[in-house]
């Protein structure tokens, strides 16, 4: 699937993109070799595109094979890496074997990233790669992201954040380099759909992924199927689709499909699609 926008890039934007591209490529060129923690989203894709331009065969994109990563995202990552022309490896990680991750406290992302980065570090050391870089951008620094602590502990560098490159500039770079994910929406791991305190299980991850895939097959894209206590499913869908999702037999079909996957109650969030909505329960300032 192509996510590239059809908007023409102005000459001013091109100049900005050229400067940003040179800045990012030069930052990476100062390293002898890099492993890019590669989800296939726009942030890591831009870093990977810069890495292969800077270091060629001394750059590699590294993707986790985990039940918390949607299959569609992993398949997309494989295609994007091929399009970029960077070597791509997919390695299994073992988050579900970590009780601290499974218990799903608000610092779950720390344990997830610790598992990811420790696995990448072991691989990089074996393969003689110098450093690990992530797609963390400058805007991410102002959000609740316990994974940043794990990155610091494992020595993972964030060129976009260090260079002050935020999300809008990342998308500008992606357009400049012709990346198919230039306008792809964020796609965090499936565990982020499970309310804090509700344990993460393989069955729950698969049910959430199946629900979102079914909704996509019905024409509702970039949705979230969020699991709360007592098997309550809260569906977040874009405001433009609220009328359609409530029309005709669709509500009954959604409920029937959700129940077939093991959900007990089905709700539609009238607030629409909202990134990070599970964090609303956290104390202010977290």
C-alpha atoms as a PDB file:
ATOM      1  CA  UNK A   1       0.000   0.000   0.000  1.00  0.00           C
ATOM      2  CA  UNK A   2       1.326   3.431  -0.901  1.00  0.00           C
ATOM      3  CA  UNK A   3       0.984   6.253   1.602  1.00  0.00           C
ATOM      4  CA  UNK A   4       2.713   8.904  -0.473  1.00  0.00           C
ATOM      5  CA  UNK A   5       0.840  12.201  -0.747  1.00  0.00           C
ATOM      6  CA  UNK A   6       0.067  13.782  -4.118  1.00  0.00           C
ATOM      7  CA  UNK A   7       0.934  17.304  -2.989  1.00  0.00           C
ATOM      8  CA  UNK A   8       3.659  19.056  -4.948  1.00  0.00           C
ATOM      9  CA  UNK A   9       6.707  20.039  -2.920  1.00  0.00           C
ATOM     10  CA  UNK A  10       7.410  23.768  -3.105  1.00  0.00           C
ATOM     11  CA  UNK A  11      10.904  25.029  -3.951  1.00  0.00           C
ATOM     12  CA  UNK A  12      11.258  26.334  -0.386  1.00  0.00           C
ATOM     13  CA  UNK A  13      10.334  22.924   1.011  1.00  0.00           C
ATOM     14  CA  UNK A  14      12.831  21.260  -1.327  1.00  0.00           C
ATOM     15  CA  UNK A  15      15.598  23.526  -0.080  1.00  0.00           C
ATOM     16  CA  UNK A  16      14.653  22.730   3.503  1.00  0.00           C
ATOM     17  CA  UNK A  17      14.584  19.012   2.728  1.00  0.00           C
ATOM     18  CA  UNK A  18      17.991  19.163   1.039  1.00  0.00           C
ATOM     19  CA  UNK A  19      19.485  20.827   4.106  1.00  0.00           C
ATOM     20  CA  UNK A  20      17.814  18.366   6.469  1.00  0.00           C
ATOM     21  CA  UNK A  21      18.924  15.402   4.379  1.00  0.00           C
ATOM     22  CA  UNK A  22      22.528  16.601   4.335  1.00  0.00           C
ATOM     23  CA  UNK A  23      22.441  17.170   8.100  1.00  0.00           C
ATOM     24  CA  UNK A  24      21.100  13.690   8.831  1.00  0.00           C
ATOM     25  CA  UNK A  25      23.324  11.842   6.354  1.00  0.00           C
ATOM     26  CA  UNK A  26      26.425  13.614   7.673  1.00  0.00           C
ATOM     27  CA  UNK A  27      25.494  12.729  11.263  1.00  0.00           C
ATOM     28  CA  UNK A  28      25.324   9.049  10.356  1.00  0.00           C
ATOM     29  CA  UNK A  29      28.444   9.211   8.193  1.00  0.00           C
ATOM     30  CA  UNK A  30      30.459  10.014  11.324  1.00  0.00           C
ATOM     31  CA  UNK A  31      29.835   6.410  12.461  1.00  0.00           C
ATOM     32  CA  UNK A  32      31.606   3.478  10.859  1.00  0.00           C
ATOM     33  CA  UNK A  33      28.498   1.255  10.867  1.00  0.00           C
ATOM     34  CA  UNK A  34      24.942   1.390  12.206  1.00  0.00           C
ATOM     35  CA  UNK A  35      22.009  -0.846  13.003  1.00  0.00           C
ATOM     36  CA  UNK A  36      18.682   0.942  12.589  1.00  0.00           C
ATOM     37  CA  UNK A  37      15.904  -0.204  14.926  1.00  0.00           C
ATOM     38  CA  UNK A  38      13.425  -0.445  12.069  1.00  0.00           C
ATOM     39  CA  UNK A  39       9.660  -0.673  12.469  1.00  0.00           C
ATOM     40  CA  UNK A  40       8.933   0.415   8.913  1.00  0.00           C
ATOM     41  CA  UNK A  41       7.185   3.568  10.101  1.00  0.00           C
ATOM     42  CA  UNK A  42       8.094   6.933   8.649  1.00  0.00           C
ATOM     43  CA  UNK A  43      10.616   7.847  11.373  1.00  0.00           C
ATOM     44  CA  UNK A  44      12.748   4.716  11.187  1.00  0.00           C
ATOM     45  CA  UNK A  45      12.359   4.619   7.393  1.00  0.00           C
ATOM     46  CA  UNK A  46      13.876   8.101   7.096  1.00  0.00           C
ATOM     47  CA  UNK A  47      16.763   7.116   9.372  1.00  0.00           C
ATOM     48  CA  UNK A  48      17.316   3.935   7.337  1.00  0.00           C
ATOM     49  CA  UNK A  49      17.235   5.893   4.078  1.00  0.00           C
ATOM     50  CA  UNK A  50      19.850   8.283   5.447  1.00  0.00           C
ATOM     51  CA  UNK A  51      21.947   5.385   6.799  1.00  0.00           C
ATOM     52  CA  UNK A  52      22.201   3.578   3.482  1.00  0.00           C
ATOM     53  CA  UNK A  53      23.113   6.848   1.762  1.00  0.00           C
ATOM     54  CA  UNK A  54      25.794   7.519   4.348  1.00  0.00           C
ATOM     55  CA  UNK A  55      27.256   4.056   4.868  1.00  0.00           C
ATOM     56  CA  UNK A  56      25.984   1.731   2.135  1.00  0.00           C
ATOM     57  CA  UNK A  57      26.565  -1.899   3.076  1.00  0.00           C
ATOM     58  CA  UNK A  58      27.681  -0.852   6.559  1.00  0.00           C
ATOM     59  CA  UNK A  59      24.087  -0.002   7.466  1.00  0.00           C
ATOM     60  CA  UNK A  60      21.408  -2.535   8.313  1.00  0.00           C
ATOM     61  CA  UNK A  61      17.712  -2.271   9.207  1.00  0.00           C
ATOM     62  CA  UNK A  62      16.740  -4.525  12.126  1.00  0.00           C
ATOM     63  CA  UNK A  63      13.094  -5.506  12.736  1.00  0.00           C
ATOM     64  CA  UNK A  64      11.613  -7.394  15.670  1.00  0.00           C
ATOM     65  CA  UNK A  65       9.587 -10.549  15.057  1.00  0.00           C
ATOM     66  CA  UNK A  66       7.151 -10.316  17.954  1.00  0.00           C
ATOM     67  CA  UNK A  67       3.471 -11.153  18.500  1.00  0.00           C
ATOM     68  CA  UNK A  68       3.051  -7.528  19.607  1.00  0.00           C
ATOM     69  CA  UNK A  69       3.978  -6.314  16.106  1.00  0.00           C
ATOM     70  CA  UNK A  70       1.111  -6.584  13.602  1.00  0.00           C
ATOM     71  CA  UNK A  71       1.911  -8.931  10.723  1.00  0.00           C
ATOM     72  CA  UNK A  72       0.962  -6.184   8.269  1.00  0.00           C
ATOM     73  CA  UNK A  73       3.558  -3.868   9.843  1.00  0.00           C
ATOM     74  CA  UNK A  74       6.295  -6.482   9.550  1.00  0.00           C
ATOM     75  CA  UNK A  75       5.394  -7.144   5.927  1.00  0.00           C
ATOM     76  CA  UNK A  76       5.387  -3.414   5.244  1.00  0.00           C
ATOM     77  CA  UNK A  77       8.810  -3.068   6.894  1.00  0.00           C
ATOM     78  CA  UNK A  78      10.209  -5.752   4.609  1.00  0.00           C
ATOM     79  CA  UNK A  79       8.911  -3.952   1.517  1.00  0.00           C
ATOM     80  CA  UNK A  80      10.070  -0.520   2.664  1.00  0.00           C
ATOM     81  CA  UNK A  81      13.572  -1.820   3.421  1.00  0.00           C
ATOM     82  CA  UNK A  82      13.675  -3.358  -0.056  1.00  0.00           C
ATOM     83  CA  UNK A  83      12.565  -0.074  -1.599  1.00  0.00           C
ATOM     84  CA  UNK A  84      15.211   1.838   0.352  1.00  0.00           C
ATOM     85  CA  UNK A  85      17.882  -0.659  -0.659  1.00  0.00           C
ATOM     86  CA  UNK A  86      19.150  -1.380   2.825  1.00  0.00           C
ATOM     87  CA  UNK A  87      20.017  -4.809   4.176  1.00  0.00           C
ATOM     88  CA  UNK A  88      17.151  -6.018   6.355  1.00  0.00           C
ATOM     89  CA  UNK A  89      17.136  -8.603   9.114  1.00  0.00           C
ATOM     90  CA  UNK A  90      14.174  -9.835  11.170  1.00  0.00           C
ATOM     91  CA  UNK A  91      14.985 -11.374  14.554  1.00  0.00           C
ATOM     92  CA  UNK A  92      12.662 -12.844  17.156  1.00  0.00           C
ATOM     93  CA  UNK A  93      12.357 -11.036  20.489  1.00  0.00           C
ATOM     94  CA  UNK A  94      10.934 -12.462  23.705  1.00  0.00           C
ATOM     95  CA  UNK A  95       8.951  -9.771  25.507  1.00  0.00           C
ATOM     96  CA  UNK A  96       6.203 -12.211  26.534  1.00  0.00           C
ATOM     97  CA  UNK A  97       8.721 -14.186  28.561  1.00  0.00           C
ATOM     98  CA  UNK A  98       9.343 -11.153  30.786  1.00  0.00           C
ATOM     99  CA  UNK A  99       6.871 -10.967  33.734  1.00  0.00           C
ATOM    100  CA  UNK A 100       7.522  -7.221  34.079  1.00  0.00           C
ATOM    101  CA  UNK A 101       6.307  -6.712  30.524  1.00  0.00           C
ATOM    102  CA  UNK A 102       3.363  -9.102  30.768  1.00  0.00           C
ATOM    103  CA  UNK A 103       2.038  -7.440  33.951  1.00  0.00           C
ATOM    104  CA  UNK A 104       1.474  -4.296  31.851  1.00  0.00           C
ATOM    105  CA  UNK A 105       2.240  -1.531  34.307  1.00  0.00           C
ATOM    106  CA  UNK A 106       2.652   2.026  32.948  1.00  0.00           C
ATOM    107  CA  UNK A 107       6.362   1.339  32.351  1.00  0.00           C
ATOM    108  CA  UNK A 108       5.623  -1.607  30.037  1.00  0.00           C
ATOM    109  CA  UNK A 109       7.282   0.204  27.147  1.00  0.00           C
ATOM    110  CA  UNK A 110      10.535   0.347  29.117  1.00  0.00           C
ATOM    111  CA  UNK A 111      10.581  -3.442  29.423  1.00  0.00           C
ATOM    112  CA  UNK A 112       9.585  -3.842  25.773  1.00  0.00           C
ATOM    113  CA  UNK A 113      12.388  -1.585  24.552  1.00  0.00           C
ATOM    114  CA  UNK A 114      14.869  -3.173  26.948  1.00  0.00           C
ATOM    115  CA  UNK A 115      14.117  -6.544  25.376  1.00  0.00           C
ATOM    116  CA  UNK A 116      14.368  -5.061  21.895  1.00  0.00           C
ATOM    117  CA  UNK A 117      17.582  -3.116  22.411  1.00  0.00           C
ATOM    118  CA  UNK A 118      19.368  -5.856  24.343  1.00  0.00           C
ATOM    119  CA  UNK A 119      18.591  -8.280  21.511  1.00  0.00           C
ATOM    120  CA  UNK A 120      19.797  -5.790  18.910  1.00  0.00           C
ATOM    121  CA  UNK A 121      22.942  -5.115  20.937  1.00  0.00           C
ATOM    122  CA  UNK A 122      23.800  -8.812  21.119  1.00  0.00           C
ATOM    123  CA  UNK A 123      23.238  -9.145  17.362  1.00  0.00           C
ATOM    124  CA  UNK A 124      25.243  -6.004  16.577  1.00  0.00           C
ATOM    125  CA  UNK A 125      28.180  -7.141  18.699  1.00  0.00           C
ATOM    126  CA  UNK A 126      28.220 -10.512  16.960  1.00  0.00           C
ATOM    127  CA  UNK A 127      28.039  -8.905  13.513  1.00  0.00           C
ATOM    128  CA  UNK A 128      30.549  -6.141  14.371  1.00  0.00           C
ATOM    129  CA  UNK A 129      28.261  -3.139  13.950  1.00  0.00           C
ATOM    130  CA  UNK A 130      29.337  -0.062  15.864  1.00  0.00           C
ATOM    131  CA  UNK A 131      26.155   1.604  17.041  1.00  0.00           C
ATOM    132  CA  UNK A 132      22.384   1.310  17.218  1.00  0.00           C
ATOM    133  CA  UNK A 133      20.133   4.164  16.104  1.00  0.00           C
ATOM    134  CA  UNK A 134      16.393   4.624  16.508  1.00  0.00           C
ATOM    135  CA  UNK A 135      13.718   6.662  14.753  1.00  0.00           C
ATOM    136  CA  UNK A 136      12.886   8.712  17.854  1.00  0.00           C
ATOM    137  CA  UNK A 137      12.235  12.251  16.640  1.00  0.00           C
ATOM    138  CA  UNK A 138      12.445  15.539  18.511  1.00  0.00           C
ATOM    139  CA  UNK A 139       8.683  15.733  19.114  1.00  0.00           C
ATOM    140  CA  UNK A 140       8.775  12.378  20.917  1.00  0.00           C
ATOM    141  CA  UNK A 141      10.841  13.890  23.711  1.00  0.00           C
ATOM    142  CA  UNK A 142       7.823  15.771  25.032  1.00  0.00           C
ATOM    143  CA  UNK A 143       5.590  12.692  25.294  1.00  0.00           C
ATOM    144  CA  UNK A 144       5.342   9.948  27.943  1.00  0.00           C
ATOM    145  CA  UNK A 145       7.804   7.424  26.547  1.00  0.00           C
ATOM    146  CA  UNK A 146       9.461   5.152  29.123  1.00  0.00           C
ATOM    147  CA  UNK A 147      11.191   3.428  26.207  1.00  0.00           C
ATOM    148  CA  UNK A 148      13.543   6.407  26.003  1.00  0.00           C
ATOM    149  CA  UNK A 149      15.050   5.345  29.325  1.00  0.00           C
ATOM    150  CA  UNK A 150      15.740   1.893  27.904  1.00  0.00           C
ATOM    151  CA  UNK A 151      17.366   3.475  24.861  1.00  0.00           C
ATOM    152  CA  UNK A 152      19.679   5.476  27.095  1.00  0.00           C
ATOM    153  CA  UNK A 153      20.609   2.399  29.124  1.00  0.00           C
ATOM    154  CA  UNK A 154      21.521   0.431  25.994  1.00  0.00           C
ATOM    155  CA  UNK A 155      23.361   3.287  24.309  1.00  0.00           C
ATOM    156  CA  UNK A 156      20.869   3.680  21.478  1.00  0.00           C
ATOM    157  CA  UNK A 157      21.309   6.974  19.631  1.00  0.00           C
ATOM    158  CA  UNK A 158      18.493   9.080  18.179  1.00  0.00           C
ATOM    159  CA  UNK A 159      19.805  11.209  15.306  1.00  0.00           C
ATOM    160  CA  UNK A 160      16.448  12.838  14.535  1.00  0.00           C
ATOM    161  CA  UNK A 161      15.995  13.944  18.139  1.00  0.00           C
ATOM    162  CA  UNK A 162      19.610  15.063  18.490  1.00  0.00           C
ATOM    163  CA  UNK A 163      19.358  17.179  15.352  1.00  0.00           C
ATOM    164  CA  UNK A 164      16.047  18.726  16.417  1.00  0.00           C
ATOM    165  CA  UNK A 165      14.101  17.088  13.576  1.00  0.00           C
ATOM    166  CA  UNK A 166      10.404  16.773  14.454  1.00  0.00           C
ATOM    167  CA  UNK A 167       7.574  14.826  12.829  1.00  0.00           C
ATOM    168  CA  UNK A 168       6.674  17.401  10.183  1.00  0.00           C
ATOM    169  CA  UNK A 169      10.303  17.554   9.054  1.00  0.00           C
ATOM    170  CA  UNK A 170      10.529  13.769   9.060  1.00  0.00           C
ATOM    171  CA  UNK A 171       7.587  13.611   6.647  1.00  0.00           C
ATOM    172  CA  UNK A 172       9.227  16.312   4.537  1.00  0.00           C
ATOM    173  CA  UNK A 173      12.359  14.179   4.291  1.00  0.00           C
ATOM    174  CA  UNK A 174      10.304  11.094   3.460  1.00  0.00           C
ATOM    175  CA  UNK A 175       8.621  12.956   0.621  1.00  0.00           C
ATOM    176  CA  UNK A 176      11.961  14.290  -0.594  1.00  0.00           C
ATOM    177  CA  UNK A 177      13.389  10.755  -0.753  1.00  0.00           C
ATOM    178  CA  UNK A 178      10.182   9.367  -2.271  1.00  0.00           C
ATOM    179  CA  UNK A 179       9.433   6.955   0.557  1.00  0.00           C
ATOM    180  CA  UNK A 180       6.076   5.200   0.302  1.00  0.00           C
ATOM    181  CA  UNK A 181       5.460   5.705   4.030  1.00  0.00           C
ATOM    182  CA  UNK A 182       5.704   9.510   3.860  1.00  0.00           C
ATOM    183  CA  UNK A 183       2.151   9.967   5.150  1.00  0.00           C
ATOM    184  CA  UNK A 184       1.714   6.646   6.942  1.00  0.00           C
ATOM    185  CA  UNK A 185       0.006   7.088  10.335  1.00  0.00           C
ATOM    186  CA  UNK A 186       1.760   5.963  13.499  1.00  0.00           C
ATOM    187  CA  UNK A 187       1.397   2.272  14.315  1.00  0.00           C
ATOM    188  CA  UNK A 188       2.496   1.456  17.867  1.00  0.00           C
ATOM    189  CA  UNK A 189       2.687  -2.114  19.112  1.00  0.00           C
ATOM    190  CA  UNK A 190      -0.444  -4.122  19.843  1.00  0.00           C
ATOM    191  CA  UNK A 191       0.297  -4.168  23.578  1.00  0.00           C
ATOM    192  CA  UNK A 192      -0.420  -0.435  23.648  1.00  0.00           C
ATOM    193  CA  UNK A 193      -4.069  -1.334  22.996  1.00  0.00           C
ATOM    194  CA  UNK A 194      -4.351  -3.134  26.361  1.00  0.00           C
ATOM    195  CA  UNK A 195      -5.277  -1.019  29.387  1.00  0.00           C
ATOM    196  CA  UNK A 196      -2.622  -0.773  32.084  1.00  0.00           C
ATOM    197  CA  UNK A 197      -3.072  -3.500  34.696  1.00  0.00           C
ATOM    198  CA  UNK A 198      -4.636  -5.949  32.222  1.00  0.00           C
ATOM    199  CA  UNK A 199      -2.018  -8.609  31.519  1.00  0.00           C
ATOM    200  CA  UNK A 200      -0.582  -8.967  28.042  1.00  0.00           C
ATOM    201  CA  UNK A 201      -1.202 -12.421  26.576  1.00  0.00           C
ATOM    202  CA  UNK A 202      -0.671 -13.911  23.150  1.00  0.00           C
ATOM    203  CA  UNK A 203      -4.404 -14.556  22.847  1.00  0.00           C
ATOM    204  CA  UNK A 204      -5.286 -10.943  23.595  1.00  0.00           C
ATOM    205  CA  UNK A 205      -2.743  -9.627  21.110  1.00  0.00           C
ATOM    206  CA  UNK A 206      -4.098 -11.875  18.386  1.00  0.00           C
ATOM    207  CA  UNK A 207      -7.709 -10.924  19.125  1.00  0.00           C
ATOM    208  CA  UNK A 208      -6.875  -7.211  18.960  1.00  0.00           C
ATOM    209  CA  UNK A 209      -4.959  -7.643  15.712  1.00  0.00           C
ATOM    210  CA  UNK A 210      -7.781  -9.719  14.210  1.00  0.00           C
ATOM    211  CA  UNK A 211     -10.366  -7.096  15.179  1.00  0.00           C
ATOM    212  CA  UNK A 212      -8.381  -4.277  13.611  1.00  0.00           C
ATOM    213  CA  UNK A 213      -7.741  -6.319  10.472  1.00  0.00           C
ATOM    214  CA  UNK A 214     -11.459  -7.070  10.139  1.00  0.00           C
ATOM    215  CA  UNK A 215     -12.351  -3.393  10.537  1.00  0.00           C
ATOM    216  CA  UNK A 216      -9.775  -2.543   7.865  1.00  0.00           C
ATOM    217  CA  UNK A 217     -11.363  -5.114   5.546  1.00  0.00           C
ATOM    218  CA  UNK A 218     -14.649  -3.249   6.052  1.00  0.00           C
ATOM    219  CA  UNK A 219     -13.009   0.004   4.944  1.00  0.00           C
ATOM    220  CA  UNK A 220     -12.180   1.503   8.355  1.00  0.00           C
ATOM    221  CA  UNK A 221      -8.462   2.256   8.392  1.00  0.00           C
ATOM    222  CA  UNK A 222      -6.134   3.528  11.132  1.00  0.00           C
ATOM    223  CA  UNK A 223      -8.465   2.302  13.873  1.00  0.00           C
ATOM    224  CA  UNK A 224      -7.709   1.109  17.395  1.00  0.00           C
ATOM    225  CA  UNK A 225      -9.291  -1.840  19.159  1.00  0.00           C
ATOM    226  CA  UNK A 226      -8.530  -1.179  22.829  1.00  0.00           C
ATOM    227  CA  UNK A 227      -9.082  -3.780  25.543  1.00  0.00           C
ATOM    228  CA  UNK A 228     -10.265  -2.691  28.998  1.00  0.00           C
ATOM    229  CA  UNK A 229     -11.269  -4.570  32.155  1.00  0.00           C
ATOM    230  CA  UNK A 230     -13.928  -7.333  31.988  1.00  0.00           C
ATOM    231  CA  UNK A 231     -13.380  -7.928  28.287  1.00  0.00           C
ATOM    232  CA  UNK A 232     -14.645  -4.496  27.252  1.00  0.00           C
ATOM    233  CA  UNK A 233     -13.568  -3.487  23.755  1.00  0.00           C
ATOM    234  CA  UNK A 234     -13.366   0.256  23.009  1.00  0.00           C
ATOM    235  CA  UNK A 235     -13.146   1.007  19.297  1.00  0.00           C
ATOM    236  CA  UNK A 236     -11.549   4.265  18.211  1.00  0.00           C
ATOM    237  CA  UNK A 237     -12.362   5.312  14.676  1.00  0.00           C
ATOM    238  CA  UNK A 238     -11.854   8.564  12.799  1.00  0.00           C
ATOM    239  CA  UNK A 239     -14.659  11.105  13.180  1.00  0.00           C
ATOM    240  CA  UNK A 240     -15.295  11.067   9.426  1.00  0.00           C
ATOM    241  CA  UNK A 241     -16.279   7.390   9.695  1.00  0.00           C
ATOM    242  CA  UNK A 242     -18.588   7.608  12.714  1.00  0.00           C
ATOM    243  CA  UNK A 243     -21.727   7.915  10.600  1.00  0.00           C
ATOM    244  CA  UNK A 244     -20.810   4.961   8.425  1.00  0.00           C
ATOM    245  CA  UNK A 245     -19.855   2.730  11.344  1.00  0.00           C
ATOM    246  CA  UNK A 246     -23.302   3.287  12.885  1.00  0.00           C
ATOM    247  CA  UNK A 247     -25.250   2.802   9.658  1.00  0.00           C
ATOM    248  CA  UNK A 248     -27.467  -0.118   8.672  1.00  0.00           C
ATOM    249  CA  UNK A 249     -26.280  -3.499   9.969  1.00  0.00           C
ATOM    250  CA  UNK A 250     -22.699  -2.452  10.731  1.00  0.00           C
ATOM    251  CA  UNK A 251     -23.094  -2.133  14.556  1.00  0.00           C
ATOM    252  CA  UNK A 252     -24.564  -5.635  14.776  1.00  0.00           C
ATOM    253  CA  UNK A 253     -21.827  -7.058  12.566  1.00  0.00           C
ATOM    254  CA  UNK A 254     -19.103  -5.386  14.611  1.00  0.00           C
ATOM    255  CA  UNK A 255     -20.523  -6.772  17.844  1.00  0.00           C
ATOM    256  CA  UNK A 256     -20.858 -10.265  16.381  1.00  0.00           C
ATOM    257  CA  UNK A 257     -17.276 -10.269  15.130  1.00  0.00           C
ATOM    258  CA  UNK A 258     -15.922  -8.891  18.410  1.00  0.00           C
ATOM    259  CA  UNK A 259     -17.779 -11.533  20.408  1.00  0.00           C
ATOM    260  CA  UNK A 260     -16.420 -14.252  18.121  1.00  0.00           C
ATOM    261  CA  UNK A 261     -12.926 -13.088  19.133  1.00  0.00           C
ATOM    262  CA  UNK A 262     -13.729 -13.298  22.846  1.00  0.00           C
ATOM    263  CA  UNK A 263     -14.615  -9.702  23.703  1.00  0.00           C
ATOM    264  CA  UNK A 264     -17.529  -9.407  26.145  1.00  0.00           C
ATOM    265  CA  UNK A 265     -18.715  -5.842  25.584  1.00  0.00           C
ATOM    266  CA  UNK A 266     -18.272  -3.546  22.579  1.00  0.00           C
ATOM    267  CA  UNK A 267     -18.207   0.246  22.760  1.00  0.00           C
ATOM    268  CA  UNK A 268     -17.530   2.997  20.232  1.00  0.00           C
ATOM    269  CA  UNK A 269     -15.508   5.978  21.481  1.00  0.00           C
ATOM    270  CA  UNK A 270     -17.430   9.078  20.408  1.00  0.00           C
ATOM    271  CA  UNK A 271     -14.251  11.097  20.833  1.00  0.00           C
ATOM    272  CA  UNK A 272     -12.894   9.384  17.733  1.00  0.00           C
ATOM    273  CA  UNK A 273      -9.385   8.182  16.992  1.00  0.00           C
ATOM    274  CA  UNK A 274      -6.856   9.452  19.553  1.00  0.00           C
ATOM    275  CA  UNK A 275      -3.186   8.544  19.876  1.00  0.00           C
ATOM    276  CA  UNK A 276      -2.022   7.582  23.362  1.00  0.00           C
ATOM    277  CA  UNK A 277      -5.515   7.553  24.841  1.00  0.00           C
ATOM    278  CA  UNK A 278      -4.560   4.796  27.294  1.00  0.00           C
ATOM    279  CA  UNK A 279      -2.261   7.309  29.010  1.00  0.00           C
ATOM    280  CA  UNK A 280      -5.175   9.471  30.161  1.00  0.00           C
ATOM    281  CA  UNK A 281      -5.368   7.443  33.367  1.00  0.00           C
ATOM    282  CA  UNK A 282      -1.800   8.332  34.311  1.00  0.00           C
ATOM    283  CA  UNK A 283      -1.135  11.104  36.848  1.00  0.00           C
ATOM    284  CA  UNK A 284      -0.500  14.535  35.390  1.00  0.00           C
ATOM    285  CA  UNK A 285       3.174  15.094  34.630  1.00  0.00           C
ATOM    286  CA  UNK A 286       3.966  11.412  33.953  1.00  0.00           C
END
